[in-house]
Amino acid sequence: MPTVLLEAMALKIPIVATRMHGVLDVVDDSCAILIQPDNPKALAEAINNCLSGYPEEYISNAYERVKVEFNWDVVSEKYVKLYMDLLHGKSF
């Protein structure tokens, strides 16, 4: 999991990221500017566009998401459930 994205979300920092596994588990188009991987021109354009104005709703959406979905209470509960399932032989 890209922890740096969670940190940016919690600190209300704009996010430009590539559409790839891990990243898409944390952010979507409602809270980050996402570009295709291996496209440096699109990355440069996205960064330049951020400098002239980043959508404020992305920042608030990202902050709310990290508070609700990735706080320690929620995450620790998911880990406990995973470990209990593993102990009881449940397959995934």
PDB file of N, CA and C in Angstrom:
ATOM      1  N   MET A   1       0.850  -1.174   0.000  1.00  0.00           N
ATOM      2  CA  MET A   1       0.000   0.000   0.000  1.00  0.00           C
ATOM      3  C   MET A   1       0.895   1.236   0.000  1.00  0.00           C
ATOM      4  N   PRO A   2       0.626   2.151  -0.871  1.00  0.00           N
ATOM      5  CA  PRO A   2       1.443   3.367  -0.937  1.00  0.00           C
ATOM      6  C   PRO A   2       1.145   4.313   0.238  1.00  0.00           C
ATOM      7  N   THR A   3       1.917   4.177   1.275  1.00  0.00           N
ATOM      8  CA  THR A   3       1.726   4.972   2.485  1.00  0.00           C
ATOM      9  C   THR A   3       1.833   6.461   2.212  1.00  0.00           C
ATOM     10  N   VAL A   4       2.659   6.834   1.267  1.00  0.00           N
ATOM     11  CA  VAL A   4       2.827   8.259   0.973  1.00  0.00           C
ATOM     12  C   VAL A   4       1.501   8.886   0.535  1.00  0.00           C
ATOM     13  N   LEU A   5       0.642   8.121  -0.127  1.00  0.00           N
ATOM     14  CA  LEU A   5      -0.670   8.651  -0.508  1.00  0.00           C
ATOM     15  C   LEU A   5      -1.537   8.895   0.716  1.00  0.00           C
ATOM     16  N   LEU A   6      -1.512   7.959   1.662  1.00  0.00           N
ATOM     17  CA  LEU A   6      -2.278   8.140   2.896  1.00  0.00           C
ATOM     18  C   LEU A   6      -1.790   9.368   3.655  1.00  0.00           C
ATOM     19  N   GLU A   7      -0.478   9.559   3.687  1.00  0.00           N
ATOM     20  CA  GLU A   7       0.087  10.729   4.366  1.00  0.00           C
ATOM     21  C   GLU A   7      -0.352  12.012   3.677  1.00  0.00           C
ATOM     22  N   ALA A   8      -0.308  12.027   2.353  1.00  0.00           N
ATOM     23  CA  ALA A   8      -0.730  13.223   1.606  1.00  0.00           C
ATOM     24  C   ALA A   8      -2.207  13.515   1.855  1.00  0.00           C
ATOM     25  N   MET A   9      -3.017  12.465   1.866  1.00  0.00           N
ATOM     26  CA  MET A   9      -4.446  12.649   2.107  1.00  0.00           C
ATOM     27  C   MET A   9      -4.694  13.237   3.496  1.00  0.00           C
ATOM     28  N   ALA A  10      -4.000  12.714   4.486  1.00  0.00           N
ATOM     29  CA  ALA A  10      -4.177  13.189   5.862  1.00  0.00           C
ATOM     30  C   ALA A  10      -3.689  14.622   6.034  1.00  0.00           C
ATOM     31  N   LEU A  11      -2.691  15.013   5.260  1.00  0.00           N
ATOM     32  CA  LEU A  11      -2.135  16.364   5.358  1.00  0.00           C
ATOM     33  C   LEU A  11      -2.762  17.343   4.364  1.00  0.00           C
ATOM     34  N   LYS A  12      -3.758  16.852   3.622  1.00  0.00           N
ATOM     35  CA  LYS A  12      -4.476  17.679   2.640  1.00  0.00           C
ATOM     36  C   LYS A  12      -3.544  18.226   1.560  1.00  0.00           C
ATOM     37  N   ILE A  13      -2.686  17.348   1.062  1.00  0.00           N
ATOM     38  CA  ILE A  13      -1.745  17.696  -0.002  1.00  0.00           C
ATOM     39  C   ILE A  13      -2.286  17.144  -1.323  1.00  0.00           C
ATOM     40  N   PRO A  14      -2.271  17.921  -2.390  1.00  0.00           N
ATOM     41  CA  PRO A  14      -2.755  17.437  -3.687  1.00  0.00           C
ATOM     42  C   PRO A  14      -2.006  16.185  -4.145  1.00  0.00           C
ATOM     43  N   ILE A  15      -2.727  15.302  -4.836  1.00  0.00           N
ATOM     44  CA  ILE A  15      -2.150  14.034  -5.278  1.00  0.00           C
ATOM     45  C   ILE A  15      -2.238  13.913  -6.789  1.00  0.00           C
ATOM     46  N   VAL A  16      -1.101  13.629  -7.399  1.00  0.00           N
ATOM     47  CA  VAL A  16      -1.011  13.216  -8.797  1.00  0.00           C
ATOM     48  C   VAL A  16      -0.350  11.846  -8.746  1.00  0.00           C
ATOM     49  N   ALA A  17      -1.025  10.841  -9.297  1.00  0.00           N
ATOM     50  CA  ALA A  17      -0.496   9.483  -9.220  1.00  0.00           C
ATOM     51  C   ALA A  17      -0.846   8.724 -10.494  1.00  0.00           C
ATOM     52  N   THR A  18      -0.201   7.583 -10.669  1.00  0.00           N
ATOM     53  CA  THR A  18      -0.483   6.753 -11.831  1.00  0.00           C
ATOM     54  C   THR A  18      -1.532   5.700 -11.490  1.00  0.00           C
ATOM     55  N   ARG A  19      -2.292   5.331 -12.492  1.00  0.00           N
ATOM     56  CA  ARG A  19      -3.318   4.294 -12.347  1.00  0.00           C
ATOM     57  C   ARG A  19      -2.636   2.930 -12.322  1.00  0.00           C
ATOM     58  N   MET A  20      -2.403   2.433 -11.115  1.00  0.00           N
ATOM     59  CA  MET A  20      -1.801   1.106 -10.989  1.00  0.00           C
ATOM     60  C   MET A  20      -2.245   0.463  -9.688  1.00  0.00           C
ATOM     61  N   HIS A  21      -2.050  -0.856  -9.614  1.00  0.00           N
ATOM     62  CA  HIS A  21      -2.439  -1.576  -8.400  1.00  0.00           C
ATOM     63  C   HIS A  21      -1.771  -0.931  -7.195  1.00  0.00           C
ATOM     64  N   GLY A  22      -2.427  -0.942  -6.100  1.00  0.00           N
ATOM     65  CA  GLY A  22      -1.926  -0.299  -4.889  1.00  0.00           C
ATOM     66  C   GLY A  22      -2.425   1.128  -4.814  1.00  0.00           C
ATOM     67  N   VAL A  23      -2.094   1.915  -5.809  1.00  0.00           N
ATOM     68  CA  VAL A  23      -2.560   3.302  -5.855  1.00  0.00           C
ATOM     69  C   VAL A  23      -4.085   3.321  -5.918  1.00  0.00           C
ATOM     70  N   LEU A  24      -4.658   2.475  -6.776  1.00  0.00           N
ATOM     71  CA  LEU A  24      -6.112   2.457  -6.954  1.00  0.00           C
ATOM     72  C   LEU A  24      -6.838   1.836  -5.769  1.00  0.00           C
ATOM     73  N   ASP A  25      -6.097   1.198  -4.872  1.00  0.00           N
ATOM     74  CA  ASP A  25      -6.692   0.712  -3.627  1.00  0.00           C
ATOM     75  C   ASP A  25      -6.868   1.845  -2.623  1.00  0.00           C
ATOM     76  N   VAL A  26      -6.188   2.951  -2.867  1.00  0.00           N
ATOM     77  CA  VAL A  26      -6.195   4.071  -1.928  1.00  0.00           C
ATOM     78  C   VAL A  26      -6.957   5.277  -2.477  1.00  0.00           C
ATOM     79  N   VAL A  27      -6.742   5.623  -3.728  1.00  0.00           N
ATOM     80  CA  VAL A  27      -7.378   6.809  -4.312  1.00  0.00           C
ATOM     81  C   VAL A  27      -8.132   6.445  -5.586  1.00  0.00           C
ATOM     82  N   ASP A  28      -9.030   7.338  -5.977  1.00  0.00           N
ATOM     83  CA  ASP A  28      -9.737   7.213  -7.243  1.00  0.00           C
ATOM     84  C   ASP A  28      -9.857   8.608  -7.849  1.00  0.00           C
ATOM     85  N   ASP A  29     -10.642   8.715  -8.919  1.00  0.00           N
ATOM     86  CA  ASP A  29     -10.779  10.004  -9.615  1.00  0.00           C
ATOM     87  C   ASP A  29     -11.506  11.072  -8.815  1.00  0.00           C
ATOM     88  N   SER A  30     -12.074  10.711  -7.678  1.00  0.00           N
ATOM     89  CA  SER A  30     -12.762  11.717  -6.865  1.00  0.00           C
ATOM     90  C   SER A  30     -11.824  12.428  -5.896  1.00  0.00           C
ATOM     91  N   CYS A  31     -10.615  11.896  -5.736  1.00  0.00           N
ATOM     92  CA  CYS A  31      -9.721  12.497  -4.738  1.00  0.00           C
ATOM     93  C   CYS A  31      -8.275  12.633  -5.206  1.00  0.00           C
ATOM     94  N   ALA A  32      -8.010  12.360  -6.479  1.00  0.00           N
ATOM     95  CA  ALA A  32      -6.649  12.504  -7.000  1.00  0.00           C
ATOM     96  C   ALA A  32      -6.690  12.659  -8.506  1.00  0.00           C
ATOM     97  N   ILE A  33      -5.657  13.260  -9.040  1.00  0.00           N
ATOM     98  CA  ILE A  33      -5.494  13.290 -10.489  1.00  0.00           C
ATOM     99  C   ILE A  33      -4.705  12.043 -10.847  1.00  0.00           C
ATOM    100  N   LEU A  34      -5.328  11.184 -11.647  1.00  0.00           N
ATOM    101  CA  LEU A  34      -4.714   9.904 -11.996  1.00  0.00           C
ATOM    102  C   LEU A  34      -4.383   9.875 -13.481  1.00  0.00           C
ATOM    103  N   ILE A  35      -3.188   9.404 -13.780  1.00  0.00           N
ATOM    104  CA  ILE A  35      -2.739   9.305 -15.169  1.00  0.00           C
ATOM    105  C   ILE A  35      -2.300   7.873 -15.450  1.00  0.00           C
ATOM    106  N   GLN A  36      -2.179   7.556 -16.727  1.00  0.00           N
ATOM    107  CA  GLN A  36      -1.718   6.227 -17.112  1.00  0.00           C
ATOM    108  C   GLN A  36      -0.217   6.099 -16.836  1.00  0.00           C
ATOM    109  N   PRO A  37       0.227   4.907 -16.443  1.00  0.00           N
ATOM    110  CA  PRO A  37       1.656   4.691 -16.216  1.00  0.00           C
ATOM    111  C   PRO A  37       2.447   4.845 -17.526  1.00  0.00           C
ATOM    112  N   ASP A  38       3.731   5.035 -17.396  1.00  0.00           N
ATOM    113  CA  ASP A  38       4.650   5.115 -18.543  1.00  0.00           C
ATOM    114  C   ASP A  38       4.275   6.219 -19.522  1.00  0.00           C
ATOM    115  N   ASN A  39       3.809   7.335 -18.991  1.00  0.00           N
ATOM    116  CA  ASN A  39       3.455   8.458 -19.846  1.00  0.00           C
ATOM    117  C   ASN A  39       3.999   9.735 -19.211  1.00  0.00           C
ATOM    118  N   PRO A  40       5.312   9.984 -19.381  1.00  0.00           N
ATOM    119  CA  PRO A  40       5.918  11.152 -18.734  1.00  0.00           C
ATOM    120  C   PRO A  40       5.317  12.485 -19.185  1.00  0.00           C
ATOM    121  N   LYS A  41       4.856  12.553 -20.424  1.00  0.00           N
ATOM    122  CA  LYS A  41       4.249  13.797 -20.898  1.00  0.00           C
ATOM    123  C   LYS A  41       2.952  14.078 -20.123  1.00  0.00           C
ATOM    124  N   ALA A  42       2.118  13.055 -19.935  1.00  0.00           N
ATOM    125  CA  ALA A  42       0.872  13.227 -19.174  1.00  0.00           C
ATOM    126  C   ALA A  42       1.170  13.584 -17.723  1.00  0.00           C
ATOM    127  N   LEU A  43       2.220  12.985 -17.166  1.00  0.00           N
ATOM    128  CA  LEU A  43       2.611  13.308 -15.789  1.00  0.00           C
ATOM    129  C   LEU A  43       3.016  14.774 -15.683  1.00  0.00           C
ATOM    130  N   ALA A  44       3.835  15.236 -16.599  1.00  0.00           N
ATOM    131  CA  ALA A  44       4.269  16.637 -16.586  1.00  0.00           C
ATOM    132  C   ALA A  44       3.078  17.579 -16.737  1.00  0.00           C
ATOM    133  N   GLU A  45       2.166  17.248 -17.636  1.00  0.00           N
ATOM    134  CA  GLU A  45       0.972  18.084 -17.835  1.00  0.00           C
ATOM    135  C   GLU A  45       0.108  18.122 -16.574  1.00  0.00           C
ATOM    136  N   ALA A  46      -0.050  16.965 -15.927  1.00  0.00           N
ATOM    137  CA  ALA A  46      -0.868  16.907 -14.705  1.00  0.00           C
ATOM    138  C   ALA A  46      -0.242  17.745 -13.597  1.00  0.00           C
ATOM    139  N   ILE A  47       1.062  17.669 -13.467  1.00  0.00           N
ATOM    140  CA  ILE A  47       1.751  18.455 -12.439  1.00  0.00           C
ATOM    141  C   ILE A  47       1.621  19.943 -12.751  1.00  0.00           C
ATOM    142  N   ASN A  48       1.816  20.322 -13.992  1.00  0.00           N
ATOM    143  CA  ASN A  48       1.665  21.728 -14.382  1.00  0.00           C
ATOM    144  C   ASN A  48       0.245  22.222 -14.141  1.00  0.00           C
ATOM    145  N   ASN A  49      -0.742  21.392 -14.449  1.00  0.00           N
ATOM    146  CA  ASN A  49      -2.133  21.777 -14.205  1.00  0.00           C
ATOM    147  C   ASN A  49      -2.395  21.960 -12.712  1.00  0.00           C
ATOM    148  N   CYS A  50      -1.758  21.147 -11.886  1.00  0.00           N
ATOM    149  CA  CYS A  50      -1.918  21.280 -10.427  1.00  0.00           C
ATOM    150  C   CYS A  50      -1.393  22.623  -9.947  1.00  0.00           C
ATOM    151  N   LEU A  51      -0.321  23.064 -10.526  1.00  0.00           N
ATOM    152  CA  LEU A  51       0.282  24.324 -10.099  1.00  0.00           C
ATOM    153  C   LEU A  51      -0.626  25.510 -10.390  1.00  0.00           C
ATOM    154  N   SER A  52      -1.477  25.388 -11.398  1.00  0.00           N
ATOM    155  CA  SER A  52      -2.371  26.495 -11.717  1.00  0.00           C
ATOM    156  C   SER A  52      -3.733  26.373 -11.032  1.00  0.00           C
ATOM    157  N   GLY A  53      -3.947  25.282 -10.335  1.00  0.00           N
ATOM    158  CA  GLY A  53      -5.198  25.131  -9.597  1.00  0.00           C
ATOM    159  C   GLY A  53      -5.595  23.671  -9.450  1.00  0.00           C
ATOM    160  N   TYR A  54      -5.582  23.204  -8.251  1.00  0.00           N
ATOM    161  CA  TYR A  54      -5.956  21.823  -7.952  1.00  0.00           C
ATOM    162  C   TYR A  54      -7.380  21.832  -7.415  1.00  0.00           C
ATOM    163  N   PRO A  55      -8.240  20.927  -7.882  1.00  0.00           N
ATOM    164  CA  PRO A  55      -9.634  20.937  -7.409  1.00  0.00           C
ATOM    165  C   PRO A  55      -9.740  20.772  -5.889  1.00  0.00           C
ATOM    166  N   GLU A  56     -10.312  21.731  -5.257  1.00  0.00           N
ATOM    167  CA  GLU A  56     -10.450  21.731  -3.790  1.00  0.00           C
ATOM    168  C   GLU A  56     -11.262  20.534  -3.302  1.00  0.00           C
ATOM    169  N   GLU A  57     -12.243  20.098  -4.107  1.00  0.00           N
ATOM    170  CA  GLU A  57     -13.052  18.957  -3.681  1.00  0.00           C
ATOM    171  C   GLU A  57     -12.234  17.665  -3.646  1.00  0.00           C
ATOM    172  N   TYR A  58     -11.179  17.569  -4.453  1.00  0.00           N
ATOM    173  CA  TYR A  58     -10.307  16.388  -4.395  1.00  0.00           C
ATOM    174  C   TYR A  58      -9.640  16.308  -3.021  1.00  0.00           C
ATOM    175  N   ILE A  59      -9.190  17.462  -2.536  1.00  0.00           N
ATOM    176  CA  ILE A  59      -8.509  17.488  -1.235  1.00  0.00           C
ATOM    177  C   ILE A  59      -9.476  17.098  -0.123  1.00  0.00           C
ATOM    178  N   SER A  60     -10.672  17.659  -0.139  1.00  0.00           N
ATOM    179  CA  SER A  60     -11.621  17.313   0.923  1.00  0.00           C
ATOM    180  C   SER A  60     -12.097  15.867   0.793  1.00  0.00           C
ATOM    181  N   ASN A  61     -12.302  15.378  -0.422  1.00  0.00           N
ATOM    182  CA  ASN A  61     -12.684  13.974  -0.609  1.00  0.00           C
ATOM    183  C   ASN A  61     -11.592  13.027  -0.111  1.00  0.00           C
ATOM    184  N   ALA A  62     -10.356  13.362  -0.420  1.00  0.00           N
ATOM    185  CA  ALA A  62      -9.236  12.520   0.016  1.00  0.00           C
ATOM    186  C   ALA A  62      -9.118  12.516   1.538  1.00  0.00           C
ATOM    187  N   TYR A  63      -9.266  13.675   2.140  1.00  0.00           N
ATOM    188  CA  TYR A  63      -9.160  13.773   3.596  1.00  0.00           C
ATOM    189  C   TYR A  63     -10.267  12.957   4.276  1.00  0.00           C
ATOM    190  N   GLU A  64     -11.489  13.092   3.782  1.00  0.00           N
ATOM    191  CA  GLU A  64     -12.601  12.317   4.357  1.00  0.00           C
ATOM    192  C   GLU A  64     -12.374  10.819   4.172  1.00  0.00           C
ATOM    193  N   ARG A  65     -11.882  10.447   3.022  1.00  0.00           N
ATOM    194  CA  ARG A  65     -11.636   9.021   2.755  1.00  0.00           C
ATOM    195  C   ARG A  65     -10.596   8.436   3.687  1.00  0.00           C
ATOM    196  N   VAL A  66      -9.505   9.157   3.892  1.00  0.00           N
ATOM    197  CA  VAL A  66      -8.455   8.630   4.773  1.00  0.00           C
ATOM    198  C   VAL A  66      -8.951   8.564   6.214  1.00  0.00           C
ATOM    199  N   LYS A  67      -9.768   9.522   6.617  1.00  0.00           N
ATOM    200  CA  LYS A  67     -10.321   9.495   7.981  1.00  0.00           C
ATOM    201  C   LYS A  67     -11.250   8.307   8.181  1.00  0.00           C
ATOM    202  N   VAL A  68     -12.077   8.015   7.190  1.00  0.00           N
ATOM    203  CA  VAL A  68     -13.096   6.981   7.336  1.00  0.00           C
ATOM    204  C   VAL A  68     -12.557   5.574   7.045  1.00  0.00           C
ATOM    205  N   GLU A  69     -11.792   5.428   5.974  1.00  0.00           N
ATOM    206  CA  GLU A  69     -11.397   4.098   5.513  1.00  0.00           C
ATOM    207  C   GLU A  69     -10.033   3.631   6.000  1.00  0.00           C
ATOM    208  N   PHE A  70      -9.164   4.557   6.379  1.00  0.00           N
ATOM    209  CA  PHE A  70      -7.796   4.174   6.690  1.00  0.00           C
ATOM    210  C   PHE A  70      -7.343   4.604   8.080  1.00  0.00           C
ATOM    211  N   ASN A  71      -8.283   4.883   8.978  1.00  0.00           N
ATOM    212  CA  ASN A  71      -7.873   5.211  10.340  1.00  0.00           C
ATOM    213  C   ASN A  71      -7.490   3.914  11.058  1.00  0.00           C
ATOM    214  N   TRP A  72      -6.750   4.037  12.137  1.00  0.00           N
ATOM    215  CA  TRP A  72      -6.209   2.841  12.805  1.00  0.00           C
ATOM    216  C   TRP A  72      -7.293   1.926  13.352  1.00  0.00           C
ATOM    217  N   ASP A  73      -8.406   2.479  13.780  1.00  0.00           N
ATOM    218  CA  ASP A  73      -9.492   1.629  14.274  1.00  0.00           C
ATOM    219  C   ASP A  73     -10.002   0.703  13.176  1.00  0.00           C
ATOM    220  N   VAL A  74     -10.210   1.234  12.005  1.00  0.00           N
ATOM    221  CA  VAL A  74     -10.712   0.449  10.874  1.00  0.00           C
ATOM    222  C   VAL A  74      -9.647  -0.543  10.405  1.00  0.00           C
ATOM    223  N   VAL A  75      -8.431  -0.060  10.225  1.00  0.00           N
ATOM    224  CA  VAL A  75      -7.351  -0.911   9.716  1.00  0.00           C
ATOM    225  C   VAL A  75      -7.030  -2.044  10.683  1.00  0.00           C
ATOM    226  N   SER A  76      -6.943  -1.733  11.970  1.00  0.00           N
ATOM    227  CA  SER A  76      -6.617  -2.784  12.937  1.00  0.00           C
ATOM    228  C   SER A  76      -7.715  -3.840  12.988  1.00  0.00           C
ATOM    229  N   GLU A  77      -8.962  -3.429  12.855  1.00  0.00           N
ATOM    230  CA  GLU A  77     -10.081  -4.378  12.840  1.00  0.00           C
ATOM    231  C   GLU A  77      -9.975  -5.314  11.630  1.00  0.00           C
ATOM    232  N   LYS A  78      -9.583  -4.778  10.488  1.00  0.00           N
ATOM    233  CA  LYS A  78      -9.406  -5.600   9.288  1.00  0.00           C
ATOM    234  C   LYS A  78      -8.268  -6.602   9.475  1.00  0.00           C
ATOM    235  N   TYR A  79      -7.178  -6.167  10.114  1.00  0.00           N
ATOM    236  CA  TYR A  79      -6.066  -7.086  10.378  1.00  0.00           C
ATOM    237  C   TYR A  79      -6.487  -8.205  11.323  1.00  0.00           C
ATOM    238  N   VAL A  80      -7.210  -7.874  12.365  1.00  0.00           N
ATOM    239  CA  VAL A  80      -7.671  -8.890  13.313  1.00  0.00           C
ATOM    240  C   VAL A  80      -8.565  -9.894  12.593  1.00  0.00           C
ATOM    241  N   LYS A  81      -9.484  -9.403  11.765  1.00  0.00           N
ATOM    242  CA  LYS A  81     -10.364 -10.304  11.015  1.00  0.00           C
ATOM    243  C   LYS A  81      -9.552 -11.205  10.091  1.00  0.00           C
ATOM    244  N   LEU A  82      -8.588 -10.649   9.393  1.00  0.00           N
ATOM    245  CA  LEU A  82      -7.740 -11.440   8.505  1.00  0.00           C
ATOM    246  C   LEU A  82      -7.022 -12.539   9.272  1.00  0.00           C
ATOM    247  N   TYR A  83      -6.396 -12.190  10.398  1.00  0.00           N
ATOM    248  CA  TYR A  83      -5.670 -13.182  11.186  1.00  0.00           C
ATOM    249  C   TYR A  83      -6.604 -14.245  11.748  1.00  0.00           C
ATOM    250  N   MET A  84      -7.785 -13.854  12.176  1.00  0.00           N
ATOM    251  CA  MET A  84      -8.747 -14.832  12.689  1.00  0.00           C
ATOM    252  C   MET A  84      -9.194 -15.782  11.569  1.00  0.00           C
ATOM    253  N   ASP A  85      -9.435 -15.232  10.399  1.00  0.00           N
ATOM    254  CA  ASP A  85      -9.806 -16.076   9.265  1.00  0.00           C
ATOM    255  C   ASP A  85      -8.687 -17.054   8.920  1.00  0.00           C
ATOM    256  N   LEU A  86      -7.447 -16.582   8.958  1.00  0.00           N
ATOM    257  CA  LEU A  86      -6.312 -17.462   8.670  1.00  0.00           C
ATOM    258  C   LEU A  86      -6.186 -18.559   9.724  1.00  0.00           C
ATOM    259  N   LEU A  87      -6.399 -18.200  10.974  1.00  0.00           N
ATOM    260  CA  LEU A  87      -6.316 -19.196  12.046  1.00  0.00           C
ATOM    261  C   LEU A  87      -7.401 -20.268  11.922  1.00  0.00           C
ATOM    262  N   HIS A  88      -8.537 -19.863  11.386  1.00  0.00           N
ATOM    263  CA  HIS A  88      -9.644 -20.801  11.247  1.00  0.00           C
ATOM    264  C   HIS A  88      -9.690 -21.455   9.875  1.00  0.00           C
ATOM    265  N   GLY A  89      -8.630 -21.257   9.100  1.00  0.00           N
ATOM    266  CA  GLY A  89      -8.491 -21.967   7.834  1.00  0.00           C
ATOM    267  C   GLY A  89      -9.370 -21.491   6.695  1.00  0.00           C
ATOM    268  N   LYS A  90      -9.870 -20.282   6.771  1.00  0.00           N
ATOM    269  CA  LYS A  90     -10.677 -19.765   5.658  1.00  0.00           C
ATOM    270  C   LYS A  90      -9.758 -19.438   4.493  1.00  0.00           C
ATOM    271  N   SER A  91     -10.213 -19.765   3.286  1.00  0.00           N
ATOM    272  CA  SER A  91      -9.419 -19.444   2.106  1.00  0.00           C
ATOM    273  C   SER A  91      -9.908 -18.134   1.499  1.00  0.00           C
ATOM    274  N   PHE A  92      -9.039 -17.524   0.732  1.00  0.00           N
ATOM    275  CA  PHE A  92      -9.376 -16.233   0.130  1.00  0.00           C
ATOM    276  C   PHE A  92      -9.391 -16.357  -1.348  1.00  0.00           C
TER     277      PHE A  92
END
